[in-house]
Amino acid sequence: MAITKETNIEFYKIGVEYKTIELIESVAIKEDGNVLSSANHRRSLSPTDDISNESDGLKAIAEFLWTNEVKQAWIDKMAVVNEGTSIK
């Protein structure tokens, strides 16, 4: 009896301004090929996120979208957002 876990990207969409990537992944736990449990999981990636552990396809999309200009725009945006939330 082999128990496996399979994760697949079912859907993704790209944010317009900062090219964030929103993902819906399906996760299935299988025993001998039969699904025991499954669930969907949502997550998002921003231009400054580490994508080294992502699939090659997702890395290619991110590397294409996340130019230096997009990354800098995201950094600038986060600096403004975080400016109002700093602890003194």
PDB file of N, CA and C in Angstrom:
ATOM      1  N   MET A   1       0.840  -1.182   0.000  1.00  0.00           N
ATOM      2  CA  MET A   1       0.000   0.000   0.000  1.00  0.00           C
ATOM      3  C   MET A   1       0.883   1.243   0.000  1.00  0.00           C
ATOM      4  N   ALA A   2       0.832   1.941  -1.107  1.00  0.00           N
ATOM      5  CA  ALA A   2       1.606   3.180  -1.223  1.00  0.00           C
ATOM      6  C   ALA A   2       0.682   4.378  -1.078  1.00  0.00           C
ATOM      7  N   ILE A   3       1.013   5.245  -0.143  1.00  0.00           N
ATOM      8  CA  ILE A   3       0.245   6.467   0.041  1.00  0.00           C
ATOM      9  C   ILE A   3       1.042   7.611  -0.576  1.00  0.00           C
ATOM     10  N   THR A   4       0.380   8.377  -1.432  1.00  0.00           N
ATOM     11  CA  THR A   4       1.031   9.490  -2.114  1.00  0.00           C
ATOM     12  C   THR A   4       0.223  10.765  -1.951  1.00  0.00           C
ATOM     13  N   LYS A   5       0.901  11.865  -2.155  1.00  0.00           N
ATOM     14  CA  LYS A   5       0.261  13.177  -2.124  1.00  0.00           C
ATOM     15  C   LYS A   5       0.541  13.846  -3.466  1.00  0.00           C
ATOM     16  N   GLU A   6      -0.521  14.287  -4.139  1.00  0.00           N
ATOM     17  CA  GLU A   6      -0.375  14.962  -5.423  1.00  0.00           C
ATOM     18  C   GLU A   6      -0.903  16.388  -5.312  1.00  0.00           C
ATOM     19  N   THR A   7      -0.119  17.325  -5.782  1.00  0.00           N
ATOM     20  CA  THR A   7      -0.529  18.721  -5.802  1.00  0.00           C
ATOM     21  C   THR A   7      -0.484  19.216  -7.240  1.00  0.00           C
ATOM     22  N   ASN A   8      -1.578  19.809  -7.690  1.00  0.00           N
ATOM     23  CA  ASN A   8      -1.665  20.332  -9.053  1.00  0.00           C
ATOM     24  C   ASN A   8      -2.235  21.737  -9.027  1.00  0.00           C
ATOM     25  N   ILE A   9      -1.701  22.598  -9.886  1.00  0.00           N
ATOM     26  CA  ILE A   9      -2.278  23.934 -10.038  1.00  0.00           C
ATOM     27  C   ILE A   9      -3.494  23.796 -10.943  1.00  0.00           C
ATOM     28  N   GLU A  10      -4.648  24.180 -10.422  1.00  0.00           N
ATOM     29  CA  GLU A  10      -5.895  24.072 -11.172  1.00  0.00           C
ATOM     30  C   GLU A  10      -6.228  25.371 -11.901  1.00  0.00           C
ATOM     31  N   PHE A  11      -5.805  26.488 -11.308  1.00  0.00           N
ATOM     32  CA  PHE A  11      -6.187  27.788 -11.842  1.00  0.00           C
ATOM     33  C   PHE A  11      -5.214  28.830 -11.333  1.00  0.00           C
ATOM     34  N   TYR A  12      -4.909  29.797 -12.163  1.00  0.00           N
ATOM     35  CA  TYR A  12      -4.165  30.949 -11.682  1.00  0.00           C
ATOM     36  C   TYR A  12      -4.639  32.185 -12.408  1.00  0.00           C
ATOM     37  N   LYS A  13      -4.484  33.329 -11.754  1.00  0.00           N
ATOM     38  CA  LYS A  13      -4.781  34.593 -12.410  1.00  0.00           C
ATOM     39  C   LYS A  13      -3.703  35.591 -12.033  1.00  0.00           C
ATOM     40  N   ILE A  14      -3.535  36.565 -12.916  1.00  0.00           N
ATOM     41  CA  ILE A  14      -2.472  37.538 -12.777  1.00  0.00           C
ATOM     42  C   ILE A  14      -3.067  38.888 -12.417  1.00  0.00           C
ATOM     43  N   GLY A  15      -2.554  39.507 -11.374  1.00  0.00           N
ATOM     44  CA  GLY A  15      -2.970  40.859 -11.020  1.00  0.00           C
ATOM     45  C   GLY A  15      -2.444  41.850 -12.049  1.00  0.00           C
ATOM     46  N   VAL A  16      -3.193  42.891 -12.299  1.00  0.00           N
ATOM     47  CA  VAL A  16      -2.859  43.822 -13.374  1.00  0.00           C
ATOM     48  C   VAL A  16      -1.632  44.675 -13.053  1.00  0.00           C
ATOM     49  N   GLU A  17      -1.686  45.421 -11.959  1.00  0.00           N
ATOM     50  CA  GLU A  17      -0.642  46.418 -11.727  1.00  0.00           C
ATOM     51  C   GLU A  17       0.686  45.825 -11.272  1.00  0.00           C
ATOM     52  N   TYR A  18       0.651  44.925 -10.302  1.00  0.00           N
ATOM     53  CA  TYR A  18       1.898  44.415  -9.729  1.00  0.00           C
ATOM     54  C   TYR A  18       2.192  42.972 -10.133  1.00  0.00           C
ATOM     55  N   LYS A  19       1.382  42.431 -11.004  1.00  0.00           N
ATOM     56  CA  LYS A  19       1.593  41.080 -11.541  1.00  0.00           C
ATOM     57  C   LYS A  19       1.659  40.006 -10.462  1.00  0.00           C
ATOM     58  N   THR A  20       0.863  40.194  -9.393  1.00  0.00           N
ATOM     59  CA  THR A  20       0.767  39.134  -8.397  1.00  0.00           C
ATOM     60  C   THR A  20       0.112  37.919  -9.047  1.00  0.00           C
ATOM     61  N   ILE A  21       0.458  36.753  -8.578  1.00  0.00           N
ATOM     62  CA  ILE A  21      -0.092  35.510  -9.128  1.00  0.00           C
ATOM     63  C   ILE A  21      -0.929  34.852  -8.043  1.00  0.00           C
ATOM     64  N   GLU A  22      -2.214  34.678  -8.317  1.00  0.00           N
ATOM     65  CA  GLU A  22      -3.109  33.987  -7.387  1.00  0.00           C
ATOM     66  C   GLU A  22      -3.339  32.578  -7.914  1.00  0.00           C
ATOM     67  N   LEU A  23      -3.173  31.601  -7.035  1.00  0.00           N
ATOM     68  CA  LEU A  23      -3.252  30.191  -7.420  1.00  0.00           C
ATOM     69  C   LEU A  23      -4.363  29.466  -6.679  1.00  0.00           C
ATOM     70  N   ILE A  24      -4.966  28.518  -7.354  1.00  0.00           N
ATOM     71  CA  ILE A  24      -5.797  27.517  -6.691  1.00  0.00           C
ATOM     72  C   ILE A  24      -5.148  26.174  -7.002  1.00  0.00           C
ATOM     73  N   GLU A  25      -4.756  25.491  -5.949  1.00  0.00           N
ATOM     74  CA  GLU A  25      -4.120  24.190  -6.089  1.00  0.00           C
ATOM     75  C   GLU A  25      -5.040  23.107  -5.556  1.00  0.00           C
ATOM     76  N   SER A  26      -5.025  21.961  -6.202  1.00  0.00           N
ATOM     77  CA  SER A  26      -5.736  20.810  -5.658  1.00  0.00           C
ATOM     78  C   SER A  26      -4.700  19.883  -5.033  1.00  0.00           C
ATOM     79  N   VAL A  27      -5.051  19.356  -3.875  1.00  0.00           N
ATOM     80  CA  VAL A  27      -4.174  18.418  -3.172  1.00  0.00           C
ATOM     81  C   VAL A  27      -4.973  17.137  -2.967  1.00  0.00           C
ATOM     82  N   ALA A  28      -4.420  16.031  -3.418  1.00  0.00           N
ATOM     83  CA  ALA A  28      -5.090  14.740  -3.272  1.00  0.00           C
ATOM     84  C   ALA A  28      -4.163  13.768  -2.545  1.00  0.00           C
ATOM     85  N   ILE A  29      -4.712  13.098  -1.553  1.00  0.00           N
ATOM     86  CA  ILE A  29      -4.007  12.020  -0.859  1.00  0.00           C
ATOM     87  C   ILE A  29      -4.556  10.717  -1.430  1.00  0.00           C
ATOM     88  N   LYS A  30      -3.643   9.897  -1.949  1.00  0.00           N
ATOM     89  CA  LYS A  30      -4.064   8.659  -2.610  1.00  0.00           C
ATOM     90  C   LYS A  30      -3.394   7.449  -1.981  1.00  0.00           C
ATOM     91  N   GLU A  31      -4.121   6.347  -2.004  1.00  0.00           N
ATOM     92  CA  GLU A  31      -3.570   5.056  -1.599  1.00  0.00           C
ATOM     93  C   GLU A  31      -3.781   4.108  -2.756  1.00  0.00           C
ATOM     94  N   ASP A  32      -2.688   3.611  -3.286  1.00  0.00           N
ATOM     95  CA  ASP A  32      -2.719   2.717  -4.446  1.00  0.00           C
ATOM     96  C   ASP A  32      -3.544   3.311  -5.594  1.00  0.00           C
ATOM     97  N   GLY A  33      -3.407   4.616  -5.805  1.00  0.00           N
ATOM     98  CA  GLY A  33      -4.101   5.277  -6.903  1.00  0.00           C
ATOM     99  C   GLY A  33      -5.518   5.727  -6.601  1.00  0.00           C
ATOM    100  N   ASN A  34      -6.077   5.305  -5.481  1.00  0.00           N
ATOM    101  CA  ASN A  34      -7.440   5.696  -5.108  1.00  0.00           C
ATOM    102  C   ASN A  34      -7.394   6.920  -4.184  1.00  0.00           C
ATOM    103  N   VAL A  35      -8.220   7.920  -4.491  1.00  0.00           N
ATOM    104  CA  VAL A  35      -8.237   9.151  -3.704  1.00  0.00           C
ATOM    105  C   VAL A  35      -8.874   8.893  -2.341  1.00  0.00           C
ATOM    106  N   LEU A  36      -8.117   9.177  -1.285  1.00  0.00           N
ATOM    107  CA  LEU A  36      -8.634   9.065   0.079  1.00  0.00           C
ATOM    108  C   LEU A  36      -9.190  10.399   0.555  1.00  0.00           C
ATOM    109  N   SER A  37      -8.531  11.470   0.127  1.00  0.00           N
ATOM    110  CA  SER A  37      -8.912  12.801   0.570  1.00  0.00           C
ATOM    111  C   SER A  37      -8.443  13.809  -0.472  1.00  0.00           C
ATOM    112  N   SER A  38      -9.211  14.887  -0.630  1.00  0.00           N
ATOM    113  CA  SER A  38      -8.775  15.949  -1.531  1.00  0.00           C
ATOM    114  C   SER A  38      -9.257  17.292  -0.999  1.00  0.00           C
ATOM    115  N   ALA A  39      -8.536  18.331  -1.379  1.00  0.00           N
ATOM    116  CA  ALA A  39      -8.887  19.681  -0.943  1.00  0.00           C
ATOM    117  C   ALA A  39      -8.298  20.688  -1.914  1.00  0.00           C
ATOM    118  N   ASN A  40      -8.872  21.871  -1.928  1.00  0.00           N
ATOM    119  CA  ASN A  40      -8.322  22.977  -2.706  1.00  0.00           C
ATOM    120  C   ASN A  40      -7.665  23.951  -1.750  1.00  0.00           C
ATOM    121  N   HIS A  41      -6.627  24.572  -2.226  1.00  0.00           N
ATOM    122  CA  HIS A  41      -5.862  25.513  -1.410  1.00  0.00           C
ATOM    123  C   HIS A  41      -5.581  26.746  -2.262  1.00  0.00           C
ATOM    124  N   ARG A  42      -5.836  27.930  -1.714  1.00  0.00           N
ATOM    125  CA  ARG A  42      -5.553  29.182  -2.411  1.00  0.00           C
ATOM    126  C   ARG A  42      -4.315  29.820  -1.803  1.00  0.00           C
ATOM    127  N   ARG A  43      -3.526  30.438  -2.672  1.00  0.00           N
ATOM    128  CA  ARG A  43      -2.393  31.219  -2.196  1.00  0.00           C
ATOM    129  C   ARG A  43      -2.013  32.223  -3.269  1.00  0.00           C
ATOM    130  N   SER A  44      -1.218  33.179  -2.894  1.00  0.00           N
ATOM    131  CA  SER A  44      -0.781  34.173  -3.861  1.00  0.00           C
ATOM    132  C   SER A  44       0.714  34.404  -3.733  1.00  0.00           C
ATOM    133  N   LEU A  45       1.289  34.822  -4.833  1.00  0.00           N
ATOM    134  CA  LEU A  45       2.713  35.117  -4.892  1.00  0.00           C
ATOM    135  C   LEU A  45       2.884  36.556  -5.354  1.00  0.00           C
ATOM    136  N   SER A  46       3.794  37.265  -4.712  1.00  0.00           N
ATOM    137  CA  SER A  46       4.081  38.644  -5.111  1.00  0.00           C
ATOM    138  C   SER A  46       5.470  38.699  -5.742  1.00  0.00           C
ATOM    139  N   PRO A  47       5.773  39.791  -6.431  1.00  0.00           N
ATOM    140  CA  PRO A  47       7.031  39.876  -7.178  1.00  0.00           C
ATOM    141  C   PRO A  47       8.309  39.718  -6.364  1.00  0.00           C
ATOM    142  N   THR A  48       8.249  39.862  -5.061  1.00  0.00           N
ATOM    143  CA  THR A  48       9.475  39.701  -4.256  1.00  0.00           C
ATOM    144  C   THR A  48       9.531  38.351  -3.541  1.00  0.00           C
ATOM    145  N   ASP A  49       8.565  37.485  -3.793  1.00  0.00           N
ATOM    146  CA  ASP A  49       8.550  36.167  -3.149  1.00  0.00           C
ATOM    147  C   ASP A  49       9.608  35.240  -3.731  1.00  0.00           C
ATOM    148  N   ASP A  50      10.100  34.340  -2.901  1.00  0.00           N
ATOM    149  CA  ASP A  50      11.040  33.310  -3.333  1.00  0.00           C
ATOM    150  C   ASP A  50      10.249  32.242  -4.081  1.00  0.00           C
ATOM    151  N   ILE A  51      10.582  32.015  -5.328  1.00  0.00           N
ATOM    152  CA  ILE A  51       9.859  31.024  -6.141  1.00  0.00           C
ATOM    153  C   ILE A  51      10.732  29.805  -6.457  1.00  0.00           C
ATOM    154  N   SER A  52      11.837  29.661  -5.747  1.00  0.00           N
ATOM    155  CA  SER A  52      12.782  28.584  -6.058  1.00  0.00           C
ATOM    156  C   SER A  52      12.183  27.192  -5.892  1.00  0.00           C
ATOM    157  N   ASN A  53      11.163  27.035  -5.056  1.00  0.00           N
ATOM    158  CA  ASN A  53      10.556  25.719  -4.856  1.00  0.00           C
ATOM    159  C   ASN A  53       9.283  25.515  -5.672  1.00  0.00           C
ATOM    160  N   GLU A  54       8.977  26.465  -6.550  1.00  0.00           N
ATOM    161  CA  GLU A  54       7.768  26.347  -7.378  1.00  0.00           C
ATOM    162  C   GLU A  54       8.061  25.477  -8.606  1.00  0.00           C
ATOM    163  N   SER A  55       7.006  25.079  -9.289  1.00  0.00           N
ATOM    164  CA  SER A  55       7.163  24.261 -10.498  1.00  0.00           C
ATOM    165  C   SER A  55       7.869  25.076 -11.579  1.00  0.00           C
ATOM    166  N   ASP A  56       8.471  24.386 -12.523  1.00  0.00           N
ATOM    167  CA  ASP A  56       9.173  25.068 -13.611  1.00  0.00           C
ATOM    168  C   ASP A  56       8.231  25.968 -14.410  1.00  0.00           C
ATOM    169  N   GLY A  57       6.999  25.508 -14.627  1.00  0.00           N
ATOM    170  CA  GLY A  57       6.032  26.315 -15.364  1.00  0.00           C
ATOM    171  C   GLY A  57       5.686  27.603 -14.648  1.00  0.00           C
ATOM    172  N   LEU A  58       5.479  27.511 -13.348  1.00  0.00           N
ATOM    173  CA  LEU A  58       5.156  28.697 -12.563  1.00  0.00           C
ATOM    174  C   LEU A  58       6.354  29.641 -12.499  1.00  0.00           C
ATOM    175  N   LYS A  59       7.555  29.089 -12.378  1.00  0.00           N
ATOM    176  CA  LYS A  59       8.757  29.921 -12.381  1.00  0.00           C
ATOM    177  C   LYS A  59       8.877  30.687 -13.698  1.00  0.00           C
ATOM    178  N   ALA A  60       8.594  30.022 -14.810  1.00  0.00           N
ATOM    179  CA  ALA A  60       8.693  30.671 -16.125  1.00  0.00           C
ATOM    180  C   ALA A  60       7.708  31.834 -16.227  1.00  0.00           C
ATOM    181  N   ILE A  61       6.500  31.629 -15.733  1.00  0.00           N
ATOM    182  CA  ILE A  61       5.490  32.697 -15.764  1.00  0.00           C
ATOM    183  C   ILE A  61       5.953  33.875 -14.907  1.00  0.00           C
ATOM    184  N   ALA A  62       6.392  33.585 -13.685  1.00  0.00           N
ATOM    185  CA  ALA A  62       6.827  34.643 -12.772  1.00  0.00           C
ATOM    186  C   ALA A  62       8.031  35.394 -13.331  1.00  0.00           C
ATOM    187  N   GLU A  63       8.985  34.681 -13.851  1.00  0.00           N
ATOM    188  CA  GLU A  63      10.179  35.335 -14.387  1.00  0.00           C
ATOM    189  C   GLU A  63       9.847  36.215 -15.588  1.00  0.00           C
ATOM    190  N   PHE A  64       8.871  35.815 -16.371  1.00  0.00           N
ATOM    191  CA  PHE A  64       8.429  36.625 -17.512  1.00  0.00           C
ATOM    192  C   PHE A  64       7.721  37.893 -17.032  1.00  0.00           C
ATOM    193  N   LEU A  65       6.838  37.749 -16.054  1.00  0.00           N
ATOM    194  CA  LEU A  65       6.022  38.871 -15.579  1.00  0.00           C
ATOM    195  C   LEU A  65       6.782  39.836 -14.682  1.00  0.00           C
ATOM    196  N   TRP A  66       7.634  39.306 -13.824  1.00  0.00           N
ATOM    197  CA  TRP A  66       8.258  40.107 -12.775  1.00  0.00           C
ATOM    198  C   TRP A  66       9.554  40.746 -13.259  1.00  0.00           C
ATOM    199  N   THR A  67       9.405  41.753 -14.090  1.00  0.00           N
ATOM    200  CA  THR A  67      10.561  42.520 -14.548  1.00  0.00           C
ATOM    201  C   THR A  67      11.116  43.315 -13.376  1.00  0.00           C
ATOM    202  N   ASN A  68      12.286  43.888 -13.551  1.00  0.00           N
ATOM    203  CA  ASN A  68      12.861  44.727 -12.491  1.00  0.00           C
ATOM    204  C   ASN A  68      11.949  45.904 -12.170  1.00  0.00           C
ATOM    205  N   GLU A  69      11.285  46.452 -13.183  1.00  0.00           N
ATOM    206  CA  GLU A  69      10.375  47.576 -12.970  1.00  0.00           C
ATOM    207  C   GLU A  69       9.171  47.154 -12.124  1.00  0.00           C
ATOM    208  N   VAL A  70       8.623  45.988 -12.396  1.00  0.00           N
ATOM    209  CA  VAL A  70       7.481  45.478 -11.622  1.00  0.00           C
ATOM    210  C   VAL A  70       7.914  45.208 -10.182  1.00  0.00           C
ATOM    211  N   LYS A  71       9.077  44.594 -10.007  1.00  0.00           N
ATOM    212  CA  LYS A  71       9.578  44.320  -8.656  1.00  0.00           C
ATOM    213  C   LYS A  71       9.767  45.612  -7.873  1.00  0.00           C
ATOM    214  N   GLN A  72      10.346  46.632  -8.510  1.00  0.00           N
ATOM    215  CA  GLN A  72      10.574  47.897  -7.811  1.00  0.00           C
ATOM    216  C   GLN A  72       9.256  48.584  -7.473  1.00  0.00           C
ATOM    217  N   ALA A  73       8.284  48.515  -8.377  1.00  0.00           N
ATOM    218  CA  ALA A  73       6.965  49.103  -8.097  1.00  0.00           C
ATOM    219  C   ALA A  73       6.333  48.409  -6.889  1.00  0.00           C
ATOM    220  N   TRP A  74       6.480  47.084  -6.777  1.00  0.00           N
ATOM    221  CA  TRP A  74       5.943  46.340  -5.645  1.00  0.00           C
ATOM    222  C   TRP A  74       6.661  46.744  -4.349  1.00  0.00           C
ATOM    223  N   ILE A  75       7.971  46.855  -4.406  1.00  0.00           N
ATOM    224  CA  ILE A  75       8.751  47.262  -3.226  1.00  0.00           C
ATOM    225  C   ILE A  75       8.307  48.651  -2.768  1.00  0.00           C
ATOM    226  N   ASP A  76       8.136  49.566  -3.719  1.00  0.00           N
ATOM    227  CA  ASP A  76       7.693  50.921  -3.381  1.00  0.00           C
ATOM    228  C   ASP A  76       6.299  50.906  -2.761  1.00  0.00           C
ATOM    229  N   LYS A  77       5.417  50.104  -3.319  1.00  0.00           N
ATOM    230  CA  LYS A  77       4.045  49.986  -2.791  1.00  0.00           C
ATOM    231  C   LYS A  77       4.069  49.451  -1.360  1.00  0.00           C
ATOM    232  N   MET A  78       4.840  48.405  -1.115  1.00  0.00           N
ATOM    233  CA  MET A  78       4.901  47.813   0.218  1.00  0.00           C
ATOM    234  C   MET A  78       5.531  48.773   1.226  1.00  0.00           C
ATOM    235  N   ALA A  79       6.477  49.598   0.788  1.00  0.00           N
ATOM    236  CA  ALA A  79       7.082  50.591   1.686  1.00  0.00           C
ATOM    237  C   ALA A  79       6.021  51.579   2.154  1.00  0.00           C
ATOM    238  N   VAL A  80       5.136  51.988   1.253  1.00  0.00           N
ATOM    239  CA  VAL A  80       4.061  52.920   1.609  1.00  0.00           C
ATOM    240  C   VAL A  80       3.069  52.238   2.546  1.00  0.00           C
ATOM    241  N   VAL A  81       2.697  51.014   2.234  1.00  0.00           N
ATOM    242  CA  VAL A  81       1.750  50.268   3.069  1.00  0.00           C
ATOM    243  C   VAL A  81       2.326  50.055   4.464  1.00  0.00           C
ATOM    244  N   ASN A  82       3.578  49.638   4.544  1.00  0.00           N
ATOM    245  CA  ASN A  82       4.204  49.349   5.832  1.00  0.00           C
ATOM    246  C   ASN A  82       4.532  50.593   6.637  1.00  0.00           C
ATOM    247  N   GLU A  83       4.643  51.728   5.970  1.00  0.00           N
ATOM    248  CA  GLU A  83       4.932  52.983   6.659  1.00  0.00           C
ATOM    249  C   GLU A  83       3.871  53.306   7.698  1.00  0.00           C
ATOM    250  N   GLY A  84       2.626  53.013   7.383  1.00  0.00           N
ATOM    251  CA  GLY A  84       1.522  53.295   8.306  1.00  0.00           C
ATOM    252  C   GLY A  84       1.334  52.252   9.377  1.00  0.00           C
ATOM    253  N   THR A  85       2.091  51.135   9.307  1.00  0.00           N
ATOM    254  CA  THR A  85       1.892  50.062  10.270  1.00  0.00           C
ATOM    255  C   THR A  85       3.118  49.801  11.138  1.00  0.00           C
ATOM    256  N   SER A  86       4.124  50.686  11.074  1.00  0.00           N
ATOM    257  CA  SER A  86       5.333  50.435  11.862  1.00  0.00           C
ATOM    258  C   SER A  86       5.052  50.631  13.349  1.00  0.00           C
ATOM    259  N   ILE A  87       5.727  49.858  14.153  1.00  0.00           N
ATOM    260  CA  ILE A  87       5.591  49.924  15.616  1.00  0.00           C
ATOM    261  C   ILE A  87       6.666  50.862  16.144  1.00  0.00           C
ATOM    262  N   LYS A  88       6.245  51.789  17.002  1.00  0.00           N
ATOM    263  CA  LYS A  88       7.194  52.753  17.558  1.00  0.00           C
ATOM    264  C   LYS A  88       7.460  52.461  19.002  1.00  0.00           C
TER     265      LYS A  88
END
